[in-house]
N, C-alpha and C. Protein backbone atom coordinates (compact mmCIF):
# COMPACT_ATOMS: atom_id res chain seq x y z
N MET A 1 75.98 92.50 129.01
CA MET A 1 76.93 93.09 128.98
C MET A 1 77.10 92.80 127.44
N ASN A 2 77.74 94.41 126.57
CA ASN A 2 78.48 94.54 125.30
C ASN A 2 79.74 93.81 125.58
N PHE A 3 80.99 93.01 125.25
CA PHE A 3 82.24 92.81 125.14
C PHE A 3 82.43 94.14 123.96
N LYS A 4 83.93 95.15 124.39
CA LYS A 4 84.37 95.79 123.90
C LYS A 4 85.85 95.75 124.03
N GLN A 5 86.19 95.60 122.99
CA GLN A 5 88.04 95.69 123.03
C GLN A 5 88.79 96.81 122.75
N VAL A 6 89.47 97.48 122.45
CA VAL A 6 90.13 98.22 121.56
C VAL A 6 91.73 97.64 121.78
N THR A 7 92.46 98.91 120.73
CA THR A 7 94.08 98.40 120.24
C THR A 7 94.32 99.59 120.45
N LEU A 8 95.63 99.05 121.23
CA LEU A 8 96.58 100.49 121.38
C LEU A 8 97.70 100.11 120.73
N PHE A 9 98.09 101.01 120.10
CA PHE A 9 99.80 100.99 119.36
C PHE A 9 100.75 102.48 120.20
N GLY A 10 101.61 101.42 120.75
CA GLY A 10 102.75 102.33 121.45
C GLY A 10 102.19 102.96 122.73
N SER A 11 102.47 101.76 123.19
CA SER A 11 101.63 101.46 124.75
C SER A 11 103.15 101.71 126.06
N THR A 12 104.25 101.94 124.93
CA THR A 12 105.89 102.24 125.76
C THR A 12 106.03 103.75 126.02
N GLY A 13 105.42 104.52 125.18
CA GLY A 13 105.70 106.34 125.10
C GLY A 13 105.20 106.39 126.07
N LEU A 14 105.38 108.19 125.60
CA LEU A 14 104.99 109.02 127.07
C LEU A 14 103.06 109.45 126.95
N ILE A 15 102.48 109.39 126.46
CA ILE A 15 101.15 109.43 125.41
C ILE A 15 100.65 108.00 126.18
N GLY A 16 101.41 107.36 125.27
CA GLY A 16 100.65 105.63 125.42
C GLY A 16 100.66 104.77 126.56
N SER A 17 101.11 105.19 127.31
CA SER A 17 102.05 104.06 128.73
C SER A 17 100.69 105.35 129.62
N LYS A 18 100.84 105.99 129.35
CA LYS A 18 99.56 107.04 130.02
C LYS A 18 98.03 106.23 130.18
N LEU A 19 97.70 106.54 128.49
CA LEU A 19 96.40 105.52 128.19
C LEU A 19 96.60 104.65 128.69
N LEU A 20 97.18 103.61 128.33
CA LEU A 20 97.18 101.97 128.46
C LEU A 20 96.87 102.07 130.21
N GLY A 21 97.51 103.00 131.15
CA GLY A 21 96.96 102.89 132.73
C GLY A 21 95.33 102.98 132.20
N ASP A 22 94.79 104.30 131.68
CA ASP A 22 93.33 104.53 132.07
C ASP A 22 92.86 103.55 131.52
N LEU A 23 93.05 102.69 130.23
CA LEU A 23 92.44 102.41 129.82
C LEU A 23 92.22 100.65 130.61
N LEU A 24 93.15 100.54 131.15
CA LEU A 24 92.83 99.32 132.37
C LEU A 24 92.51 99.34 133.85
N LYS A 25 92.25 100.33 133.80
CA LYS A 25 91.32 101.07 135.22
C LYS A 25 89.89 101.52 134.62
N ASP A 26 89.64 101.33 133.26
CA ASP A 26 88.28 101.99 132.88
C ASP A 26 87.19 100.69 132.58
N THR A 27 86.09 101.11 133.29
CA THR A 27 85.42 99.98 132.65
C THR A 27 84.63 99.45 131.83
N ASP A 28 84.07 100.89 130.78
CA ASP A 28 83.72 100.47 129.61
C ASP A 28 84.57 99.40 128.51
N TYR A 29 85.41 99.45 129.09
CA TYR A 29 86.47 98.30 127.73
C TYR A 29 87.38 97.51 128.72
N HIS A 30 87.05 95.97 127.92
CA HIS A 30 86.89 94.94 128.36
C HIS A 30 88.42 94.32 128.33
N LEU A 31 89.34 94.86 127.32
CA LEU A 31 90.43 93.99 126.75
C LEU A 31 91.19 95.01 126.06
N VAL A 32 92.23 95.19 126.33
CA VAL A 32 93.16 95.93 125.27
C VAL A 32 94.40 95.56 124.96
N ASN A 33 94.22 94.83 123.30
CA ASN A 33 94.91 94.70 122.42
C ASN A 33 96.22 95.97 122.56
N VAL A 34 97.38 95.33 123.27
CA VAL A 34 98.48 96.00 122.98
C VAL A 34 99.54 95.62 122.34
N ILE A 35 99.50 96.13 121.42
CA ILE A 35 100.33 95.50 120.18
C ILE A 35 102.10 95.83 120.36
N THR A 36 102.75 95.04 120.42
CA THR A 36 104.72 95.31 120.38
C THR A 36 105.20 94.64 119.29
N ARG A 37 106.78 95.44 119.57
CA ARG A 37 107.62 94.51 118.78
C ARG A 37 108.01 93.11 119.43
N THR A 38 108.03 93.62 120.78
CA THR A 38 108.68 92.19 121.40
C THR A 38 108.14 92.02 122.42
N PRO A 39 107.88 91.10 123.48
CA PRO A 39 106.82 90.56 124.38
C PRO A 39 106.88 92.14 125.34
N PHE A 40 105.58 92.01 125.66
CA PHE A 40 105.13 93.29 126.74
C PHE A 40 105.26 92.74 128.02
N TYR A 41 106.06 94.21 128.99
CA TYR A 41 106.63 93.77 130.18
C TYR A 41 105.48 93.49 131.14
N LEU A 42 104.79 94.43 131.13
CA LEU A 42 102.88 94.60 131.97
C LEU A 42 102.46 93.02 131.89
N LYS A 43 102.23 92.53 132.99
CA LYS A 43 100.65 91.22 132.68
C LYS A 43 99.76 91.64 133.47
N HIS A 44 98.43 91.33 133.02
CA HIS A 44 97.23 92.32 133.79
C HIS A 44 96.14 91.53 133.09
N ASP A 45 95.01 91.01 133.86
CA ASP A 45 93.97 90.57 132.61
C ASP A 45 93.40 90.82 131.82
N LYS A 46 93.65 92.17 131.52
CA LYS A 46 92.65 93.01 130.55
C LYS A 46 93.66 93.32 129.29
N ILE A 47 94.74 92.61 129.76
CA ILE A 47 95.77 92.96 128.32
C ILE A 47 95.76 91.80 127.49
N ASN A 48 96.09 92.16 125.99
CA ASN A 48 96.34 90.79 125.20
C ASN A 48 97.11 91.13 124.51
N ASN A 49 98.19 90.73 124.73
CA ASN A 49 99.61 91.25 124.19
C ASN A 49 99.61 90.68 122.98
N ILE A 50 100.13 91.64 121.72
CA ILE A 50 100.50 90.98 120.10
C ILE A 50 101.23 91.17 120.04
N VAL A 51 102.43 90.79 119.08
CA VAL A 51 103.52 91.02 118.96
C VAL A 51 103.20 90.75 118.21
N ILE A 52 104.16 91.52 117.04
CA ILE A 52 103.73 91.77 115.28
C ILE A 52 105.00 92.24 115.22
N ASP A 53 105.15 92.11 113.63
CA ASP A 53 106.54 92.68 112.57
C ASP A 53 105.47 94.11 111.99
N PHE A 54 106.24 95.14 112.44
CA PHE A 54 105.60 96.05 112.19
C PHE A 54 105.52 96.42 110.61
N ASN A 55 106.32 95.48 109.55
CA ASN A 55 106.12 95.78 108.40
C ASN A 55 105.81 94.96 107.85
N ASP A 56 104.97 94.20 108.24
CA ASP A 56 103.99 93.15 107.93
C ASP A 56 102.95 93.65 107.90
N TYR A 57 102.10 93.94 107.06
CA TYR A 57 100.71 94.78 107.06
C TYR A 57 99.15 93.58 107.32
N LYS A 58 99.59 92.33 107.06
CA LYS A 58 98.66 91.59 107.53
C LYS A 58 98.74 91.26 108.86
N SER A 59 99.71 91.49 109.55
CA SER A 59 99.72 91.86 110.98
C SER A 59 99.42 92.60 111.30
N ILE A 60 99.28 92.98 111.17
CA ILE A 60 98.99 94.85 111.47
C ILE A 60 96.61 94.53 111.05
N LEU A 61 96.58 94.31 109.90
CA LEU A 61 95.63 93.98 109.70
C LEU A 61 94.83 93.05 110.85
N ASP A 62 94.98 91.96 110.66
CA ASP A 62 94.51 90.72 112.00
C ASP A 62 94.75 91.71 113.37
N SER A 63 95.79 92.19 114.05
CA SER A 63 95.55 92.97 114.98
C SER A 63 94.70 94.32 115.35
N VAL A 64 93.85 94.55 114.71
CA VAL A 64 93.09 95.65 114.66
C VAL A 64 91.56 95.02 114.75
N GLU A 65 91.41 93.83 114.17
CA GLU A 65 90.27 93.10 113.63
C GLU A 65 89.23 93.23 115.18
N ASN A 66 87.57 93.31 115.27
CA ASN A 66 87.07 93.48 116.06
C ASN A 66 86.68 94.43 117.18
N SER A 67 87.58 95.57 116.76
CA SER A 67 88.03 96.93 117.67
C SER A 67 86.89 97.75 117.92
N LYS A 68 86.25 98.08 118.77
CA LYS A 68 86.36 99.27 118.82
C LYS A 68 86.63 100.65 118.81
N ALA A 69 88.03 100.85 119.02
CA ALA A 69 88.30 101.72 118.90
C ALA A 69 90.03 101.96 118.85
N VAL A 70 91.02 102.06 118.08
CA VAL A 70 92.22 101.81 117.78
C VAL A 70 92.80 103.18 118.19
N PHE A 71 93.93 103.13 119.01
CA PHE A 71 94.93 104.28 119.55
C PHE A 71 96.12 104.20 118.93
N VAL A 72 96.39 105.16 118.34
CA VAL A 72 98.05 105.33 117.77
C VAL A 72 98.75 105.89 118.48
N SER A 73 100.16 106.03 119.01
CA SER A 73 100.93 106.71 119.55
C SER A 73 102.12 106.71 119.91
N ILE A 74 102.23 106.25 118.11
CA ILE A 74 104.19 106.05 117.99
C ILE A 74 104.41 107.29 117.27
N GLY A 75 106.40 107.15 117.66
CA GLY A 75 106.86 108.06 116.66
C GLY A 75 108.41 107.58 117.01
N THR A 76 108.97 108.33 116.59
CA THR A 76 110.76 107.57 116.63
C THR A 76 111.95 109.21 116.44
N THR A 77 112.71 109.48 116.33
CA THR A 77 113.15 110.26 116.87
C THR A 77 114.43 110.23 115.89
N MET A 78 114.98 111.09 115.55
CA MET A 78 116.11 111.22 114.17
C MET A 78 117.40 110.73 115.21
N ALA A 79 117.81 110.62 116.37
CA ALA A 79 118.49 110.16 117.35
C ALA A 79 118.63 108.56 117.17
N LYS A 80 117.66 108.05 117.55
CA LYS A 80 117.19 106.75 117.38
C LYS A 80 117.07 105.93 115.91
N GLU A 81 116.85 106.79 114.96
CA GLU A 81 117.09 106.48 113.33
C GLU A 81 118.81 107.00 112.50
N LYS A 82 119.87 107.63 113.96
CA LYS A 82 121.37 108.11 113.38
C LYS A 82 120.92 109.08 112.61
N GLY A 83 119.57 109.92 112.21
CA GLY A 83 119.82 110.80 111.07
C GLY A 83 118.92 110.35 110.27
N ASN A 84 119.20 109.04 110.10
CA ASN A 84 117.90 108.57 108.45
C ASN A 84 116.43 108.85 108.36
N LYS A 85 116.15 109.76 107.34
CA LYS A 85 115.05 109.95 106.75
C LYS A 85 113.77 109.10 106.50
N PHE A 86 114.94 108.33 105.98
CA PHE A 86 113.63 106.91 104.89
C PHE A 86 113.56 106.14 106.31
N ASN A 87 114.70 105.59 107.27
CA ASN A 87 113.98 105.09 108.35
C ASN A 87 112.69 105.32 109.13
N TYR A 88 113.40 107.17 109.19
CA TYR A 88 112.22 107.71 110.25
C TYR A 88 110.60 107.67 109.63
N LYS A 89 110.78 107.77 108.45
CA LYS A 89 109.51 107.99 108.17
C LYS A 89 109.05 106.51 107.71
N LYS A 90 109.92 105.26 107.77
CA LYS A 90 109.27 103.97 108.06
C LYS A 90 108.41 103.93 108.99
N VAL A 91 108.96 104.35 110.41
CA VAL A 91 108.21 104.36 111.66
C VAL A 91 106.76 105.69 111.91
N ASP A 92 107.18 106.70 111.33
CA ASP A 92 106.36 107.64 111.76
C ASP A 92 105.26 107.42 110.49
N TYR A 93 105.67 107.43 109.38
CA TYR A 93 104.38 107.29 107.66
C TYR A 93 104.30 106.16 107.75
N ASP A 94 104.73 104.94 107.30
CA ASP A 94 104.06 103.71 107.28
C ASP A 94 103.29 103.63 108.17
N ILE A 95 104.18 103.15 109.53
CA ILE A 95 103.01 102.64 110.49
C ILE A 95 101.58 103.16 110.68
N THR A 96 101.88 104.28 110.69
CA THR A 96 100.00 105.05 111.22
C THR A 96 99.52 104.79 110.15
N CYS A 97 99.50 104.81 108.91
CA CYS A 97 99.21 104.56 107.71
C CYS A 97 98.67 103.31 107.43
N ASN A 98 98.95 102.67 107.58
CA ASN A 98 98.83 101.13 107.53
C ASN A 98 97.88 100.53 108.74
N ILE A 99 98.11 101.26 109.92
CA ILE A 99 97.27 100.99 111.04
C ILE A 99 95.63 101.66 110.50
N ALA A 100 95.90 102.60 109.76
CA ALA A 100 94.19 103.57 109.80
C ALA A 100 94.12 102.97 108.25
N LYS A 101 94.65 102.21 107.37
CA LYS A 101 94.38 101.27 106.48
C LYS A 101 93.41 99.94 106.98
N ALA A 102 94.39 99.24 107.82
CA ALA A 102 93.61 98.58 108.32
C ALA A 102 92.47 98.67 109.11
N CYS A 103 91.95 99.62 109.39
CA CYS A 103 90.96 100.06 110.09
C CYS A 103 89.93 100.32 109.05
N LYS A 104 89.95 100.90 107.62
CA LYS A 104 89.15 101.21 107.04
C LYS A 104 88.89 99.57 106.56
N GLU A 105 89.70 98.57 106.54
CA GLU A 105 89.59 97.43 105.75
C GLU A 105 88.54 96.73 107.04
N HIS A 106 88.42 97.22 108.03
CA HIS A 106 87.33 95.99 109.17
C HIS A 106 86.45 97.27 109.38
N ASN A 107 86.45 98.26 108.98
CA ASN A 107 84.97 99.45 109.17
C ASN A 107 85.58 99.75 110.71
N ILE A 108 86.80 99.96 111.58
CA ILE A 108 86.72 100.40 112.65
C ILE A 108 85.97 101.71 112.99
N ALA A 109 85.11 101.76 113.77
CA ALA A 109 84.48 102.90 114.55
C ALA A 109 85.47 104.07 114.59
N LYS A 110 86.40 103.74 115.68
CA LYS A 110 86.81 105.07 115.51
C LYS A 110 88.66 104.86 115.33
N PHE A 111 89.69 105.77 115.02
CA PHE A 111 90.77 105.60 115.02
C PHE A 111 91.50 106.88 115.52
N ILE A 112 91.89 106.87 116.49
CA ILE A 112 92.73 107.88 117.25
C ILE A 112 93.73 108.18 117.01
N TYR A 113 94.59 109.13 116.59
CA TYR A 113 96.55 108.97 116.83
C TYR A 113 96.60 110.77 117.40
N VAL A 114 97.93 110.20 117.62
CA VAL A 114 98.85 111.70 118.29
C VAL A 114 99.34 111.97 116.97
N SER A 115 99.37 113.65 116.48
CA SER A 115 100.36 114.04 115.59
C SER A 115 101.13 115.25 115.70
N SER A 116 100.94 116.01 115.57
CA SER A 116 101.72 117.63 116.28
C SER A 116 101.33 118.81 115.88
N LEU A 117 101.36 119.39 116.90
CA LEU A 117 100.94 120.65 116.75
C LEU A 117 101.94 121.72 115.53
N GLY A 118 101.28 122.12 114.12
CA GLY A 118 101.99 122.69 113.05
C GLY A 118 102.10 121.84 112.22
N ALA A 119 101.39 120.68 112.08
CA ALA A 119 101.36 119.36 111.12
C ALA A 119 101.08 120.08 109.93
N ASP A 120 101.99 120.28 108.73
CA ASP A 120 101.35 120.72 107.64
C ASP A 120 102.37 120.03 106.61
N SER A 121 101.39 119.25 105.36
CA SER A 121 102.32 119.18 104.55
C SER A 121 103.20 119.83 103.31
N ASN A 122 102.87 120.57 103.25
CA ASN A 122 103.55 122.33 102.84
C ASN A 122 104.71 123.01 103.68
N LYS A 123 104.98 122.42 104.43
CA LYS A 123 105.99 122.96 105.38
C LYS A 123 107.13 122.53 104.96
N SER A 124 108.06 123.44 104.85
CA SER A 124 109.83 122.77 104.59
C SER A 124 110.15 122.17 105.71
N ASN A 125 109.55 121.96 107.15
CA ASN A 125 110.70 121.39 108.31
C ASN A 125 109.96 120.17 107.59
N PHE A 126 111.70 119.25 108.02
CA PHE A 126 110.94 117.94 108.00
C PHE A 126 109.87 117.46 108.43
N TYR A 127 110.32 117.05 110.06
CA TYR A 127 108.82 116.85 110.94
C TYR A 127 107.79 117.13 110.38
N LEU A 128 107.36 118.73 110.59
CA LEU A 128 105.75 118.99 110.47
C LEU A 128 105.40 118.20 109.09
N ASN A 129 106.33 118.48 107.75
CA ASN A 129 106.00 118.17 106.65
C ASN A 129 105.41 116.55 106.64
N LEU A 130 106.18 115.51 107.60
CA LEU A 130 105.90 114.16 107.48
C LEU A 130 104.55 114.27 108.60
N LYS A 131 104.21 114.55 109.41
CA LYS A 131 103.01 114.80 110.08
C LYS A 131 101.71 115.14 109.38
N GLY A 132 102.16 116.54 108.44
CA GLY A 132 101.10 116.95 107.59
C GLY A 132 100.72 115.53 106.63
N LYS A 133 101.69 114.95 106.28
CA LYS A 133 101.73 114.22 104.99
C LYS A 133 100.79 112.47 105.79
N ILE A 134 100.63 112.42 106.93
CA ILE A 134 100.34 111.33 107.37
C ILE A 134 98.59 112.02 107.34
N GLU A 135 98.62 113.11 108.36
CA GLU A 135 97.18 113.58 108.34
C GLU A 135 97.02 113.91 106.98
N ASP A 136 97.17 113.89 105.88
CA ASP A 136 96.27 114.27 104.89
C ASP A 136 96.23 112.44 104.26
N SER A 137 97.40 111.41 103.92
CA SER A 137 96.84 110.29 103.76
C SER A 137 95.75 109.46 104.09
N VAL A 138 95.49 109.62 105.55
CA VAL A 138 94.66 109.31 106.75
C VAL A 138 93.38 109.61 106.41
N GLU A 139 93.01 111.26 105.99
CA GLU A 139 92.13 111.30 106.11
C GLU A 139 91.38 111.06 104.47
N GLU A 140 92.53 111.17 103.44
CA GLU A 140 91.65 110.39 102.29
C GLU A 140 91.17 108.93 102.06
N LEU A 141 91.56 107.85 103.57
CA LEU A 141 90.66 107.08 103.69
C LEU A 141 89.42 106.89 104.11
N LYS A 142 88.78 108.51 104.09
CA LYS A 142 87.48 108.47 104.59
C LYS A 142 87.13 107.32 105.87
N LEU A 143 88.01 107.42 107.24
CA LEU A 143 87.32 106.39 108.20
C LEU A 143 85.76 106.87 108.73
N THR A 144 85.32 106.02 108.73
CA THR A 144 84.04 106.50 109.90
C THR A 144 84.46 107.97 110.61
N SER A 145 85.47 107.29 111.57
CA SER A 145 85.46 108.69 112.74
C SER A 145 86.97 108.71 112.65
N THR A 146 88.10 109.53 112.20
CA THR A 146 89.24 109.64 112.26
C THR A 146 89.35 111.31 113.98
N VAL A 147 90.15 110.74 114.78
CA VAL A 147 90.53 112.21 115.64
C VAL A 147 91.81 112.27 115.47
N VAL A 148 92.46 113.64 115.09
CA VAL A 148 94.13 113.53 115.14
C VAL A 148 94.05 114.67 116.68
N PHE A 149 94.95 114.24 117.62
CA PHE A 149 95.44 115.10 118.46
C PHE A 149 96.90 115.53 118.32
N ARG A 150 96.47 116.92 118.15
CA ARG A 150 97.78 117.77 117.80
C ARG A 150 98.93 118.84 119.30
N PRO A 151 98.67 118.14 119.89
CA PRO A 151 99.67 118.70 120.99
C PRO A 151 100.96 119.62 120.83
N SER A 152 101.15 120.48 121.71
CA SER A 152 102.56 121.20 121.41
C SER A 152 103.35 120.14 122.35
N VAL A 153 104.45 120.95 122.66
CA VAL A 153 105.51 120.47 123.47
C VAL A 153 104.78 119.70 124.73
N LEU A 154 105.21 118.16 125.48
CA LEU A 154 104.60 117.23 125.93
C LEU A 154 105.42 117.10 127.43
N ILE A 155 104.46 117.28 128.32
CA ILE A 155 104.96 117.47 129.75
C ILE A 155 104.90 115.86 130.41
N GLY A 156 105.84 115.40 130.38
CA GLY A 156 106.09 114.40 131.77
C GLY A 156 107.72 113.29 131.38
N SER A 157 107.76 112.26 132.20
CA SER A 157 108.90 111.47 131.90
C SER A 157 109.23 110.80 130.97
N ARG A 158 109.61 110.68 130.47
CA ARG A 158 109.91 109.43 129.57
C ARG A 158 110.69 108.31 129.80
N SER A 159 110.96 107.11 129.72
CA SER A 159 111.89 106.55 129.33
C SER A 159 112.80 106.69 129.03
N GLU A 160 113.19 107.47 128.28
CA GLU A 160 114.02 107.91 127.97
C GLU A 160 114.43 108.93 127.69
N PHE A 161 115.76 109.45 127.81
CA PHE A 161 115.93 111.54 127.62
C PHE A 161 116.55 111.56 126.98
N ARG A 162 115.43 112.85 126.38
CA ARG A 162 115.71 113.27 125.30
C ARG A 162 116.15 115.01 125.77
N PHE A 163 117.06 115.14 125.56
CA PHE A 163 118.19 116.63 126.33
C PHE A 163 117.05 118.02 125.52
N GLY A 164 117.02 118.10 124.14
CA GLY A 164 116.64 119.27 123.61
C GLY A 164 114.57 119.44 124.12
N GLU A 165 113.95 117.83 124.50
CA GLU A 165 112.63 118.28 124.97
C GLU A 165 112.94 118.64 126.41
N LYS A 166 113.77 118.24 126.66
CA LYS A 166 113.54 118.29 128.51
C LYS A 166 113.79 119.91 128.86
N ILE A 167 114.73 120.50 127.52
CA ILE A 167 114.83 122.05 127.65
C ILE A 167 113.82 122.83 127.28
N ALA A 168 113.08 122.17 126.80
CA ALA A 168 111.87 122.82 125.85
C ALA A 168 110.69 122.47 126.54
N GLN A 169 111.06 121.50 127.59
CA GLN A 169 109.74 121.46 128.45
C GLN A 169 109.93 122.79 129.99
N LEU A 170 110.90 122.72 130.26
CA LEU A 170 111.55 123.23 131.12
C LEU A 170 111.11 124.84 130.65
N LEU A 171 111.75 125.47 129.71
CA LEU A 171 111.60 126.94 129.18
C LEU A 171 109.79 127.58 128.72
N MET A 172 109.11 126.05 128.46
CA MET A 172 107.74 126.43 128.04
C MET A 172 106.42 126.30 129.53
N SER A 173 107.30 125.55 130.12
CA SER A 173 106.61 125.53 131.10
C SER A 173 106.81 127.25 132.24
N CYS A 174 107.88 127.80 132.27
CA CYS A 174 107.99 129.07 132.67
C CYS A 174 107.49 130.04 132.11
N PHE A 175 107.43 130.27 130.92
CA PHE A 175 106.50 131.28 130.24
C PHE A 175 105.22 130.87 129.75
N LYS A 176 104.82 129.93 129.89
CA LYS A 176 103.34 129.38 129.50
C LYS A 176 102.20 130.22 129.48
N PHE A 177 102.46 131.21 130.17
CA PHE A 177 101.45 132.13 130.87
C PHE A 177 101.15 133.22 129.06
N ILE A 178 102.61 133.15 129.02
CA ILE A 178 102.05 134.12 127.05
C ILE A 178 102.54 133.33 126.12
N ILE A 179 102.87 132.05 126.27
CA ILE A 179 102.38 131.53 124.85
C ILE A 179 101.30 131.17 124.64
N PRO A 180 101.18 131.66 123.16
CA PRO A 180 99.38 131.11 122.38
C PRO A 180 98.95 129.79 122.88
N GLU A 181 97.76 130.51 122.71
CA GLU A 181 96.67 128.83 123.28
C GLU A 181 97.17 127.66 122.40
N LYS A 182 97.25 127.92 121.59
CA LYS A 182 97.83 126.62 120.86
C LYS A 182 99.12 125.55 120.59
N SER A 183 99.37 126.55 121.27
CA SER A 183 101.13 126.41 121.41
C SER A 183 101.03 125.79 122.92
N LYS A 184 100.45 126.25 124.02
CA LYS A 184 100.91 125.91 125.23
C LYS A 184 101.37 124.23 125.86
N PRO A 185 102.83 124.12 126.25
CA PRO A 185 102.89 122.54 126.50
C PRO A 185 101.71 121.84 127.49
N ILE A 186 101.67 120.58 127.20
CA ILE A 186 100.47 119.94 128.00
C ILE A 186 101.23 118.60 128.09
N GLU A 187 100.47 118.51 129.69
CA GLU A 187 100.65 116.96 130.37
C GLU A 187 100.51 115.99 129.82
N ALA A 188 101.31 114.70 129.37
CA ALA A 188 100.95 113.84 128.69
C ALA A 188 99.87 113.00 128.88
N GLU A 189 99.38 113.24 130.31
CA GLU A 189 98.42 112.63 130.83
C GLU A 189 96.75 113.12 130.91
N TYR A 190 96.90 114.59 130.20
CA TYR A 190 95.83 114.56 130.31
C TYR A 190 95.13 114.67 128.09
N VAL A 191 96.22 114.31 127.45
CA VAL A 191 96.37 113.96 125.98
C VAL A 191 95.46 112.58 126.67
N ALA A 192 96.28 111.61 126.62
CA ALA A 192 95.78 110.47 127.21
C ALA A 192 94.16 110.36 127.96
N LYS A 193 93.85 111.22 128.95
CA LYS A 193 92.62 111.04 129.03
C LYS A 193 90.98 111.26 127.98
N ALA A 194 91.63 112.54 127.54
CA ALA A 194 91.31 112.43 126.39
C ALA A 194 91.27 111.84 125.20
N MET A 195 91.95 110.70 124.74
CA MET A 195 92.01 110.32 123.48
C MET A 195 90.69 109.01 124.14
N LEU A 196 91.35 108.59 125.71
CA LEU A 196 89.97 107.60 126.14
C LEU A 196 88.36 108.34 126.17
N ASN A 197 88.30 109.50 126.58
CA ASN A 197 87.01 110.07 126.73
C ASN A 197 86.43 110.03 124.93
N ILE A 198 86.96 110.88 124.38
CA ILE A 198 86.62 111.06 122.67
C ILE A 198 86.15 109.62 122.80
N SER A 199 87.20 108.55 122.63
CA SER A 199 86.89 107.08 122.62
C SER A 199 85.31 106.63 122.12
N LYS A 200 84.54 106.88 123.05
CA LYS A 200 83.28 106.80 123.89
C LYS A 200 82.22 107.77 123.31
N LYS A 201 82.70 109.07 122.56
CA LYS A 201 81.68 109.32 121.89
C LYS A 201 81.18 109.31 120.47
N ASP A 202 80.06 109.35 119.96
CA ASP A 202 79.61 109.17 118.87
C ASP A 202 79.81 110.65 118.27
N THR A 203 80.88 110.23 117.59
CA THR A 203 81.54 111.29 116.29
C THR A 203 81.33 110.38 114.82
N GLN A 204 81.43 111.41 113.67
CA GLN A 204 82.24 111.04 112.46
C GLN A 204 82.57 112.02 112.13
N GLY A 205 83.18 111.39 110.99
CA GLY A 205 84.29 112.16 109.85
C GLY A 205 85.89 112.54 110.70
N LEU A 206 85.86 113.87 110.47
CA LEU A 206 87.12 113.85 110.73
C LEU A 206 87.14 115.68 111.66
N GLN A 207 87.93 114.77 113.12
CA GLN A 207 87.96 115.94 114.16
C GLN A 207 89.75 116.22 114.21
N ILE A 208 90.09 117.25 114.74
CA ILE A 208 91.67 117.82 114.72
C ILE A 208 90.95 118.56 116.31
N TYR A 209 91.82 118.25 117.25
CA TYR A 209 92.29 118.65 118.48
C TYR A 209 93.69 119.36 119.04
N HIS A 210 93.64 120.31 119.47
CA HIS A 210 94.46 121.38 120.02
C HIS A 210 94.45 121.35 121.33
N TYR A 211 95.18 122.10 122.18
CA TYR A 211 95.34 122.19 123.50
C TYR A 211 93.72 122.52 123.92
N LYS A 212 93.28 123.89 123.87
CA LYS A 212 92.14 124.27 124.55
C LYS A 212 91.08 122.72 124.04
N GLU A 213 90.60 122.33 123.36
CA GLU A 213 89.92 121.42 123.03
C GLU A 213 90.59 120.32 124.07
N ILE A 214 91.87 119.78 123.86
CA ILE A 214 92.30 118.69 124.85
C ILE A 214 91.60 118.69 126.33
N MET A 215 92.46 119.99 126.55
CA MET A 215 91.84 120.16 127.95
C MET A 215 90.42 120.31 128.69
N ASN A 216 89.55 120.79 127.70
CA ASN A 216 88.17 120.59 127.55
C ASN A 216 87.68 119.54 128.14
N MET A 217 88.40 118.22 127.63
CA MET A 217 88.05 116.90 127.54
C MET A 217 88.68 116.06 128.71
N ASN A 218 89.17 117.22 129.59
CA ASN A 218 89.44 116.00 130.66
C ASN A 218 88.52 116.82 132.14
């Protein structure tokens, strides 16, 4: 049996927690490196919890070594960062790009991460502009296989309450039938399942997936 391990950043988030559950049940992957800032709460035979300083590139580099695929579903909010755009960028941009660079150094077969619908470095909107800059920087690395997921509003229960997101979930779910396909809200579990499924496909270069493609992978 060919031993396969993967690495997951963002295991406690809405998508990441669903993805971790899928990975633990999956029979193709034998070890899941769960990368966290503090000791992980869940114990499982397949979980190898690696606690690191996310500002330390060497720690990130060591954590992804020998992985078949690396999954990234991390992010923050302006509320968490108290409106500090510099701190926000350190989480969303710096960490994701450093993980991608580490994948380049180790020649990881697949780098799979969550971006956002509308990501564009030419946009004036801070959030979409930053997501676009992340995509641009990762693409420049020319990894073996980069897979970008661009969901719209995510449906699912978070461990933290986000009022604005709850309102958006409610409104978009009610009017889903008239919303353009790319902008339709999507259940986090579908994004997670698609991330797992695409990790097993023999893809090369850059792929970007929106609502329809994500749903077709479930």
